[in-house]
Amino acid sequence: MKLNPTREANLALLASCLWPFLNLVNYNKSQLEVEYVLVLLSVPVLLFVCGIGALRLLGRFSRRDETPRFTFALAIAVALFFNYHAIYDVLAALALPRINYAYLTLSTLLLLAALRFFNPAVIRVSLVFFVVAGAIPAFEAMKYRSGGTASSAQMNARPLSPLSPETRKRNVYHVILDSYPRDDQLRKLFGFDNSRTLDALRNRGFYVAAQALANYPSTFLSVSSGLVGEYLLGDGDEFQDMLQFADLMRGNNPMIRRLKLSGYKYVHAQGHLYTICVGYEDWCIDPYQQLLSSRDLLDVIVQTTPIRRFWRPIVRGSAVPLSYLQARLAAILEAEKGPLAVFAHILPPHSPWTVTADCRPRDDPALAWSESTKQHFLDSLTCVNTQLTQFVGFLDSADPEAIVVIQSDHGTNSLLAADSAVKRWTAEQFEERFAILMAVRVPEQCRKWLYPSMSPVDVPALVFACLEGKQPVYRPYQSFLVEVPTDKEPGRVKRYRRAAR
């Protein structure tokens, strides 16, 4: 077959643009929905189109047509630039000194070779390489998706019955404040006195569980189990896909399904990827109204390139602050006359810490724990506390008869090293990560069912007990440590038994 240098070079450029982004999709395959993949893969296509356009414009000023040569060199440059993190890891594994200098030297030599030894045969070999290199992660991602996972349909298999017509259908608010610690941990680890905020909650009729503990240390299992009212994974269980739990967190869970079956309208306020609005809700609260925020996408892409050395990645996401939730709920309460079931996943005070104590955008946002960023967390917590106090005041006046649960999914992890396996957790690390806020406002007749060591899996039983006037059946408390899945190993769950106190 006769070689066409221009066509082969163009195809090599397209394949080299797609390759690193297919790697990115494969690396994040357990967390990306199809629509996110499409958004991510639109970037290399745009990059290819812009590259071809720029090269054609450059070709107009050349005495002879060198466009295929420069197209091929650009294909090599794109592959080197967007695979920086992978090349860096290889060079680091070789124990080379001054890794960035080695990367720069390697890149320069390859680009000079691409320009000097350009010929149709080299283009063909490079094209085959880029196609194969991109096909491998694409195949792995598709195989992963087609393998099947436990679904919310399986977890929702039991038949549900609506509440009786005589039931007083109070509005139900379930608010998750991500990574909000219990007050004793705040005092112990951060020297922070949270009594003012907790007293404000108590003054508004909230019961604050003084010994509340999470059941899991991870959002995807803590929130989804709390919405189902069961331990979704137990001791020794393995799992591959964290997104199998996302559907439950987005509204397709037994608690919301039963409330909707009973005539409730579902209001869903999204927090991040796991809790985006996907259509189960009657009302979606999302201040950004977009699929994937441009800053999220930019941060993810930059981390594959040499620019990451100079970039402060702050993944802001489409997080709904409590102040925005309050404003939208005020409008929804005006518009809706029927009962409402509200679920809100509020990302703060979880990182990234992007605001000051007075809720203004900060100039030095932070993402990871260190001694210098603890104040970032406390500033974010202070901002949340201000909005939380205003929010409960709003509910007290706008919906005083409602059932309200305000809790965190887990605590902080300032003591937990990134590589801490479940078998190496200390008692102090457990207490920090599992000690959570649990504040509940229920009708007076239900308060006898509240107790100090409540946990997220108690919430559905409590809600329906209060609505139906029946004694709740709580599951015995259990806690589990979680290792998330990797490309090589499945996720694992291990029972954690606290020492007697």
Foldseek 3Di string as FASTA:
>chain_A
DDFDLQVLLLLLLLLLLLLLLLVLCLQCLLQDDPVNSVVSNVVSVVVSVVVLVVLVVVQVPDPDRCSSLVSNLVSLVSNLFLQVVVQLVVQVVVVDPPSVVVSVVVNVVVSVCSNPVPDRVVSVVSSVVSNVSRVVSNVSSVCVVVVDFQALCNLAVDDADADDPPFDQAAEEEEAAAAAFQQVCCCVPPVDHPVVLVVLLVVLQKDWQNAAWFFELDPLQRQLLLQQLHRPDAAWDFGAHSLNSLVSLQQSYPLNVRHVVNPAAEEAEAAASSHAHDPNHPHYQFPVPDDWDPLQSVLSSCVSGPCVVVDARFRPGRFDALVSVLVVVVVVLVVDDDHYYYYHYGHPPADQLQAALCRHGDPDTHHDADPVCVNSSVSRVNNNSVSVSVSSVSCCPSRVAHKYKYKHSWHDQNPPDPPDDPVRDDPVRSSRTTRMIIMIHHPPLLPVQDHNHDYSSCVSQSVVCRRNVHRGDHDPRWHWYWDPDGPVGTIRIRTDDDDDD
